[in-house]
PDB file of all heavy atoms in Angstrom:
ATOM      1  N   CYS A   1     -16.087  12.156 -37.501  1.00  0.00           N
ATOM      2  CA  CYS A   1     -15.285  10.943 -37.278  1.00  0.00           C
ATOM      3  C   CYS A   1     -16.003   9.685 -37.782  1.00  0.00           C
ATOM      4  O   CYS A   1     -15.499   8.573 -37.609  1.00  0.00           O
ATOM      5  CB  CYS A   1     -14.978  10.783 -35.795  1.00  0.00           C
ATOM      6  SG  CYS A   1     -13.826  11.987 -35.131  1.00  0.00           S
ATOM      7  N   PHE A   2     -17.179   9.872 -38.366  1.00  0.00           N
ATOM      8  CA  PHE A   2     -18.007   8.769 -38.854  1.00  0.00           C
ATOM      9  C   PHE A   2     -18.431   7.835 -37.729  1.00  0.00           C
ATOM     10  O   PHE A   2     -18.526   6.634 -37.910  1.00  0.00           O
ATOM     11  CB  PHE A   2     -17.306   8.003 -39.988  1.00  0.00           C
ATOM     12  CG  PHE A   2     -16.945   8.881 -41.142  1.00  0.00           C
ATOM     13  CD1 PHE A   2     -15.643   9.322 -41.310  1.00  0.00           C
ATOM     14  CD2 PHE A   2     -17.914   9.308 -42.040  1.00  0.00           C
ATOM     15  CE1 PHE A   2     -15.302  10.164 -42.361  1.00  0.00           C
ATOM     16  CE2 PHE A   2     -17.588  10.144 -43.092  1.00  0.00           C
ATOM     17  CZ  PHE A   2     -16.285  10.577 -43.253  1.00  0.00           C
ATOM     18  N   PHE A   3     -18.678   8.415 -36.550  1.00  0.00           N
ATOM     19  CA  PHE A   3     -19.229   7.660 -35.425  1.00  0.00           C
ATOM     20  C   PHE A   3     -20.745   7.697 -35.543  1.00  0.00           C
ATOM     21  O   PHE A   3     -21.321   8.753 -35.768  1.00  0.00           O
ATOM     22  CB  PHE A   3     -18.841   8.279 -34.083  1.00  0.00           C
ATOM     23  CG  PHE A   3     -17.378   8.271 -33.736  1.00  0.00           C
ATOM     24  CD1 PHE A   3     -16.948   8.956 -32.624  1.00  0.00           C
ATOM     25  CD2 PHE A   3     -16.438   7.596 -34.493  1.00  0.00           C
ATOM     26  CE1 PHE A   3     -15.601   8.969 -32.258  1.00  0.00           C
ATOM     27  CE2 PHE A   3     -15.092   7.598 -34.152  1.00  0.00           C
ATOM     28  CZ  PHE A   3     -14.680   8.290 -33.024  1.00  0.00           C
ATOM     29  N   LYS A   4     -21.367   6.565 -35.351  1.00  0.00           N
ATOM     30  CA  LYS A   4     -22.825   6.468 -35.432  1.00  0.00           C
ATOM     31  C   LYS A   4     -23.417   6.172 -34.061  1.00  0.00           C
ATOM     32  O   LYS A   4     -22.990   5.237 -33.384  1.00  0.00           O
ATOM     33  CB  LYS A   4     -23.245   5.360 -36.404  1.00  0.00           C
ATOM     34  CG  LYS A   4     -22.761   5.562 -37.823  1.00  0.00           C
ATOM     35  CD  LYS A   4     -23.521   6.655 -38.514  1.00  0.00           C
ATOM     36  CE  LYS A   4     -23.088   6.794 -39.952  1.00  0.00           C
ATOM     37  NZ  LYS A   4     -22.852   8.138 -40.366  1.00  0.00           N
ATOM     38  N   ILE A   5     -24.398   6.982 -33.680  1.00  0.00           N
ATOM     39  CA  ILE A   5     -25.124   6.759 -32.432  1.00  0.00           C
ATOM     40  C   ILE A   5     -26.320   5.857 -32.707  1.00  0.00           C
ATOM     41  O   ILE A   5     -27.078   6.080 -33.644  1.00  0.00           O
ATOM     42  CB  ILE A   5     -25.609   8.102 -31.833  1.00  0.00           C
ATOM     43  CG1 ILE A   5     -24.407   8.930 -31.365  1.00  0.00           C
ATOM     44  CG2 ILE A   5     -26.584   7.862 -30.678  1.00  0.00           C
ATOM     45  CD1 ILE A   5     -24.764  10.305 -30.828  1.00  0.00           C
ATOM     46  N   SER A   6     -26.489   4.842 -31.861  1.00  0.00           N
ATOM     47  CA  SER A   6     -27.663   3.961 -31.953  1.00  0.00           C
ATOM     48  C   SER A   6     -28.110   3.583 -30.547  1.00  0.00           C
ATOM     49  O   SER A   6     -27.407   3.828 -29.574  1.00  0.00           O
ATOM     50  CB  SER A   6     -27.331   2.707 -32.775  1.00  0.00           C
ATOM     51  OG  SER A   6     -26.325   1.951 -32.137  1.00  0.00           O
ATOM     52  N   ASP A   7     -29.280   2.994 -30.456  1.00  0.00           N
ATOM     53  CA  ASP A   7     -29.848   2.521 -29.176  1.00  0.00           C
ATOM     54  C   ASP A   7     -29.839   3.605 -28.095  1.00  0.00           C
ATOM     55  O   ASP A   7     -29.552   3.332 -26.929  1.00  0.00           O
ATOM     56  CB  ASP A   7     -29.111   1.282 -28.666  1.00  0.00           C
ATOM     57  CG  ASP A   7     -29.209   0.100 -29.609  1.00  0.00           C
ATOM     58  OD1 ASP A   7     -30.100   0.114 -30.484  1.00  0.00           O
ATOM     59  OD2 ASP A   7     -28.404  -0.828 -29.488  1.00  0.00           O
ATOM     60  N   PHE A   8     -30.184   4.814 -28.474  1.00  0.00           N
ATOM     61  CA  PHE A   8     -30.161   5.955 -27.555  1.00  0.00           C
ATOM     62  C   PHE A   8     -31.305   5.853 -26.548  1.00  0.00           C
ATOM     63  O   PHE A   8     -32.452   5.638 -26.920  1.00  0.00           O
ATOM     64  CB  PHE A   8     -30.293   7.260 -28.349  1.00  0.00           C
ATOM     65  CG  PHE A   8     -30.201   8.489 -27.499  1.00  0.00           C
ATOM     66  CD1 PHE A   8     -28.974   9.045 -27.193  1.00  0.00           C
ATOM     67  CD2 PHE A   8     -31.347   9.088 -26.981  1.00  0.00           C
ATOM     68  CE1 PHE A   8     -28.884  10.175 -26.399  1.00  0.00           C
ATOM     69  CE2 PHE A   8     -31.266  10.207 -26.174  1.00  0.00           C
ATOM     70  CZ  PHE A   8     -30.020  10.752 -25.885  1.00  0.00           C
ATOM     71  N   LYS A   9     -30.964   6.001 -25.237  1.00  0.00           N
ATOM     72  CA  LYS A   9     -31.975   5.951 -24.175  1.00  0.00           C
ATOM     73  C   LYS A   9     -31.671   7.026 -23.142  1.00  0.00           C
ATOM     74  O   LYS A   9     -30.549   7.110 -22.636  1.00  0.00           O
ATOM     75  CB  LYS A   9     -31.962   4.588 -23.483  1.00  0.00           C
ATOM     76  CG  LYS A   9     -32.420   3.441 -24.355  1.00  0.00           C
ATOM     77  CD  LYS A   9     -32.367   2.121 -23.591  1.00  0.00           C
ATOM     78  CE  LYS A   9     -32.633   0.966 -24.490  1.00  0.00           C
ATOM     79  NZ  LYS A   9     -31.460   0.409 -25.120  1.00  0.00           N
ATOM     80  N   LEU A  10     -32.684   7.802 -22.798  1.00  0.00           N
ATOM     81  CA  LEU A  10     -32.549   8.790 -21.725  1.00  0.00           C
ATOM     82  C   LEU A  10     -32.694   8.099 -20.381  1.00  0.00           C
ATOM     83  O   LEU A  10     -33.434   7.135 -20.254  1.00  0.00           O
ATOM     84  CB  LEU A  10     -33.639   9.857 -21.848  1.00  0.00           C
ATOM     85  CG  LEU A  10     -33.506  10.845 -22.992  1.00  0.00           C
ATOM     86  CD1 LEU A  10     -34.742  11.720 -23.071  1.00  0.00           C
ATOM     87  CD2 LEU A  10     -32.261  11.709 -22.807  1.00  0.00           C
ATOM     88  N   GLU A  11     -32.006   8.615 -19.376  1.00  0.00           N
ATOM     89  CA  GLU A  11     -32.177   8.155 -18.005  1.00  0.00           C
ATOM     90  C   GLU A  11     -32.962   9.228 -17.268  1.00  0.00           C
ATOM     91  O   GLU A  11     -32.441  10.303 -17.001  1.00  0.00           O
ATOM     92  CB  GLU A  11     -30.821   7.942 -17.320  1.00  0.00           C
ATOM     93  CG  GLU A  11     -30.105   6.712 -17.788  1.00  0.00           C
ATOM     94  CD  GLU A  11     -28.829   6.488 -17.002  1.00  0.00           C
ATOM     95  OE1 GLU A  11     -28.746   6.918 -15.831  1.00  0.00           O
ATOM     96  OE2 GLU A  11     -27.913   5.899 -17.569  1.00  0.00           O
ATOM     97  N   ILE A  12     -34.194   8.952 -16.955  1.00  0.00           N
ATOM     98  CA  ILE A  12     -35.095   9.933 -16.358  1.00  0.00           C
ATOM     99  C   ILE A  12     -34.585  10.429 -14.999  1.00  0.00           C
ATOM    100  O   ILE A  12     -34.631  11.620 -14.710  1.00  0.00           O
ATOM    101  CB  ILE A  12     -36.516   9.331 -16.206  1.00  0.00           C
ATOM    102  CG1 ILE A  12     -37.037   8.822 -17.550  1.00  0.00           C
ATOM    103  CG2 ILE A  12     -37.471  10.348 -15.603  1.00  0.00           C
ATOM    104  CD1 ILE A  12     -37.079   9.826 -18.662  1.00  0.00           C
ATOM    105  N   GLU A  13     -34.076   9.530 -14.167  1.00  0.00           N
ATOM    106  CA  GLU A  13     -33.684   9.922 -12.810  1.00  0.00           C
ATOM    107  C   GLU A  13     -32.532  10.924 -12.755  1.00  0.00           C
ATOM    108  O   GLU A  13     -32.455  11.706 -11.833  1.00  0.00           O
ATOM    109  CB  GLU A  13     -33.318   8.691 -11.995  1.00  0.00           C
ATOM    110  CG  GLU A  13     -34.529   7.954 -11.511  1.00  0.00           C
ATOM    111  CD  GLU A  13     -34.169   6.948 -10.455  1.00  0.00           C
ATOM    112  OE1 GLU A  13     -33.562   5.925 -10.809  1.00  0.00           O
ATOM    113  OE2 GLU A  13     -34.489   7.199  -9.287  1.00  0.00           O
ATOM    114  N   SER A  14     -31.649  10.884 -13.694  1.00  0.00           N
ATOM    115  CA  SER A  14     -30.506  11.806 -13.686  1.00  0.00           C
ATOM    116  C   SER A  14     -30.646  12.857 -14.782  1.00  0.00           C
ATOM    117  O   SER A  14     -29.673  13.271 -15.403  1.00  0.00           O
ATOM    118  CB  SER A  14     -29.196  11.033 -13.846  1.00  0.00           C
ATOM    119  OG  SER A  14     -28.943  10.260 -12.715  1.00  0.00           O
ATOM    120  N   LYS A  15     -31.887  13.294 -14.994  1.00  0.00           N
ATOM    121  CA  LYS A  15     -32.120  14.245 -16.083  1.00  0.00           C
ATOM    122  C   LYS A  15     -31.429  15.584 -15.842  1.00  0.00           C
ATOM    123  O   LYS A  15     -31.123  16.293 -16.786  1.00  0.00           O
ATOM    124  CB  LYS A  15     -33.612  14.425 -16.347  1.00  0.00           C
ATOM    125  CG  LYS A  15     -34.388  15.057 -15.223  1.00  0.00           C
ATOM    126  CD  LYS A  15     -35.864  15.136 -15.570  1.00  0.00           C
ATOM    127  CE  LYS A  15     -36.628  15.668 -14.373  1.00  0.00           C
ATOM    128  NZ  LYS A  15     -38.047  15.634 -14.580  1.00  0.00           N
ATOM    129  N   ASP A  16     -31.148  15.925 -14.571  1.00  0.00           N
ATOM    130  CA  ASP A  16     -30.412  17.166 -14.295  1.00  0.00           C
ATOM    131  C   ASP A  16     -29.022  17.140 -14.910  1.00  0.00           C
ATOM    132  O   ASP A  16     -28.413  18.183 -15.115  1.00  0.00           O
ATOM    133  CB  ASP A  16     -30.272  17.393 -12.787  1.00  0.00           C
ATOM    134  CG  ASP A  16     -31.592  17.757 -12.135  1.00  0.00           C
ATOM    135  OD1 ASP A  16     -32.565  18.055 -12.858  1.00  0.00           O
ATOM    136  OD2 ASP A  16     -31.650  17.747 -10.892  1.00  0.00           O
ATOM    137  N   TYR A  17     -28.507  15.952 -15.181  1.00  0.00           N
ATOM    138  CA  TYR A  17     -27.187  15.787 -15.788  1.00  0.00           C
ATOM    139  C   TYR A  17     -27.295  15.332 -17.245  1.00  0.00           C
ATOM    140  O   TYR A  17     -26.302  14.903 -17.826  1.00  0.00           O
ATOM    141  CB  TYR A  17     -26.357  14.780 -14.980  1.00  0.00           C
ATOM    142  CG  TYR A  17     -26.010  15.309 -13.603  1.00  0.00           C
ATOM    143  CD1 TYR A  17     -26.870  15.110 -12.531  1.00  0.00           C
ATOM    144  CD2 TYR A  17     -24.845  16.030 -13.386  1.00  0.00           C
ATOM    145  CE1 TYR A  17     -26.563  15.611 -11.264  1.00  0.00           C
ATOM    146  CE2 TYR A  17     -24.542  16.535 -12.132  1.00  0.00           C
ATOM    147  CZ  TYR A  17     -25.404  16.327 -11.083  1.00  0.00           C
ATOM    148  OH  TYR A  17     -25.107  16.829  -9.843  1.00  0.00           O
ATOM    149  N   ASN A  18     -28.507  15.424 -17.804  1.00  0.00           N
ATOM    150  CA  ASN A  18     -28.762  14.960 -19.169  1.00  0.00           C
ATOM    151  C   ASN A  18     -28.225  13.546 -19.377  1.00  0.00           C
ATOM    152  O   ASN A  18     -27.570  13.254 -20.374  1.00  0.00           O
ATOM    153  CB  ASN A  18     -28.174  15.930 -20.198  1.00  0.00           C
ATOM    154  CG  ASN A  18     -28.925  17.233 -20.213  1.00  0.00           C
ATOM    155  OD1 ASN A  18     -30.113  17.271 -20.520  1.00  0.00           O
ATOM    156  ND2 ASN A  18     -28.261  18.312 -19.841  1.00  0.00           N
ATOM    157  N   ALA A  19     -28.496  12.693 -18.411  1.00  0.00           N
ATOM    158  CA  ALA A  19     -27.997  11.319 -18.442  1.00  0.00           C
ATOM    159  C   ALA A  19     -28.639  10.527 -19.566  1.00  0.00           C
ATOM    160  O   ALA A  19     -29.842  10.613 -19.806  1.00  0.00           O
ATOM    161  CB  ALA A  19     -28.284  10.643 -17.100  1.00  0.00           C
ATOM    162  N   CYS A  20     -27.802   9.750 -20.241  1.00  0.00           N
ATOM    163  CA  CYS A  20     -28.299   8.876 -21.289  1.00  0.00           C
ATOM    164  C   CYS A  20     -27.290   7.757 -21.531  1.00  0.00           C
ATOM    165  O   CYS A  20     -26.155   7.804 -21.051  1.00  0.00           O
ATOM    166  CB  CYS A  20     -28.565   9.650 -22.579  1.00  0.00           C
ATOM    167  SG  CYS A  20     -27.132  10.494 -23.266  1.00  0.00           S
ATOM    168  N   ASN A  21     -27.743   6.758 -22.255  1.00  0.00           N
ATOM    169  CA  ASN A  21     -26.911   5.633 -22.680  1.00  0.00           C
ATOM    170  C   ASN A  21     -27.112   5.471 -24.178  1.00  0.00           C
ATOM    171  O   ASN A  21     -28.207   5.724 -24.693  1.00  0.00           O
ATOM    172  CB  ASN A  21     -27.350   4.336 -21.994  1.00  0.00           C
ATOM    173  CG  ASN A  21     -27.269   4.423 -20.502  1.00  0.00           C
ATOM    174  OD1 ASN A  21     -26.233   4.758 -19.956  1.00  0.00           O
ATOM    175  ND2 ASN A  21     -28.370   4.134 -19.832  1.00  0.00           N
ATOM    176  N   PHE A  22     -26.070   5.041 -24.855  1.00  0.00           N
ATOM    177  CA  PHE A  22     -26.199   4.765 -26.281  1.00  0.00           C
ATOM    178  C   PHE A  22     -25.016   3.937 -26.748  1.00  0.00           C
ATOM    179  O   PHE A  22     -24.061   3.711 -25.996  1.00  0.00           O
ATOM    180  CB  PHE A  22     -26.310   6.064 -27.105  1.00  0.00           C
ATOM    181  CG  PHE A  22     -25.187   7.054 -26.907  1.00  0.00           C
ATOM    182  CD1 PHE A  22     -24.060   7.041 -27.704  1.00  0.00           C
ATOM    183  CD2 PHE A  22     -25.282   8.034 -25.923  1.00  0.00           C
ATOM    184  CE1 PHE A  22     -23.046   7.962 -27.529  1.00  0.00           C
ATOM    185  CE2 PHE A  22     -24.277   8.964 -25.740  1.00  0.00           C
ATOM    186  CZ  PHE A  22     -23.146   8.926 -26.552  1.00  0.00           C
ATOM    187  N   LYS A  23     -25.106   3.484 -27.964  1.00  0.00           N
ATOM    188  CA  LYS A  23     -23.968   2.825 -28.599  1.00  0.00           C
ATOM    189  C   LYS A  23     -23.343   3.819 -29.567  1.00  0.00           C
ATOM    190  O   LYS A  23     -24.045   4.577 -30.230  1.00  0.00           O
ATOM    191  CB  LYS A  23     -24.408   1.571 -29.344  1.00  0.00           C
ATOM    192  CG  LYS A  23     -24.714   0.409 -28.437  1.00  0.00           C
ATOM    193  CD  LYS A  23     -24.964  -0.848 -29.228  1.00  0.00           C
ATOM    194  CE  LYS A  23     -25.246  -2.009 -28.303  1.00  0.00           C
ATOM    195  NZ  LYS A  23     -25.612  -3.205 -29.070  1.00  0.00           N
ATOM    196  N   LEU A  24     -22.042   3.799 -29.618  1.00  0.00           N
ATOM    197  CA  LEU A  24     -21.292   4.614 -30.570  1.00  0.00           C
ATOM    198  C   LEU A  24     -20.415   3.645 -31.338  1.00  0.00           C
ATOM    199  O   LEU A  24     -19.436   3.115 -30.800  1.00  0.00           O
ATOM    200  CB  LEU A  24     -20.450   5.656 -29.814  1.00  0.00           C
ATOM    201  CG  LEU A  24     -19.848   6.775 -30.639  1.00  0.00           C
ATOM    202  CD1 LEU A  24     -20.956   7.664 -31.211  1.00  0.00           C
ATOM    203  CD2 LEU A  24     -18.902   7.612 -29.803  1.00  0.00           C
ATOM    204  N   ASN A  25     -20.826   3.362 -32.591  1.00  0.00           N
ATOM    205  CA  ASN A  25     -20.133   2.341 -33.394  1.00  0.00           C
ATOM    206  C   ASN A  25     -19.927   1.056 -32.575  1.00  0.00           C
ATOM    207  O   ASN A  25     -18.828   0.513 -32.525  1.00  0.00           O
ATOM    208  CB  ASN A  25     -18.784   2.854 -33.897  1.00  0.00           C
ATOM    209  CG  ASN A  25     -18.932   3.880 -34.999  1.00  0.00           C
ATOM    210  OD1 ASN A  25     -20.000   4.430 -35.208  1.00  0.00           O
ATOM    211  ND2 ASN A  25     -17.860   4.154 -35.697  1.00  0.00           N
ATOM    212  N   ASN A  26     -20.970   0.617 -31.920  1.00  0.00           N
ATOM    213  CA  ASN A  26     -21.002  -0.621 -31.133  1.00  0.00           C
ATOM    214  C   ASN A  26     -20.277  -0.554 -29.793  1.00  0.00           C
ATOM    215  O   ASN A  26     -20.231  -1.553 -29.080  1.00  0.00           O
ATOM    216  CB  ASN A  26     -20.517  -1.823 -31.952  1.00  0.00           C
ATOM    217  CG  ASN A  26     -21.465  -2.123 -33.086  1.00  0.00           C
ATOM    218  OD1 ASN A  26     -22.680  -2.097 -32.896  1.00  0.00           O
ATOM    219  ND2 ASN A  26     -20.932  -2.376 -34.265  1.00  0.00           N
ATOM    220  N   GLN A  27     -19.693   0.585 -29.434  1.00  0.00           N
ATOM    221  CA  GLN A  27     -19.151   0.774 -28.090  1.00  0.00           C
ATOM    222  C   GLN A  27     -20.317   1.225 -27.204  1.00  0.00           C
ATOM    223  O   GLN A  27     -21.092   2.092 -27.599  1.00  0.00           O
ATOM    224  CB  GLN A  27     -18.065   1.864 -28.079  1.00  0.00           C
ATOM    225  CG  GLN A  27     -16.901   1.570 -28.988  1.00  0.00           C
ATOM    226  CD  GLN A  27     -15.858   0.684 -28.337  1.00  0.00           C
ATOM    227  OE1 GLN A  27     -16.118   0.010 -27.349  1.00  0.00           O
ATOM    228  NE2 GLN A  27     -14.673   0.675 -28.886  1.00  0.00           N
TER     229      GLN A  27
END
């Protein structure tokens, strides 16, 4: 879909849920 992931950050506390935050085409 030509979506780009940027600013990827893992959330250590919710690692059991593979928690993370990122931007997807600025969303």
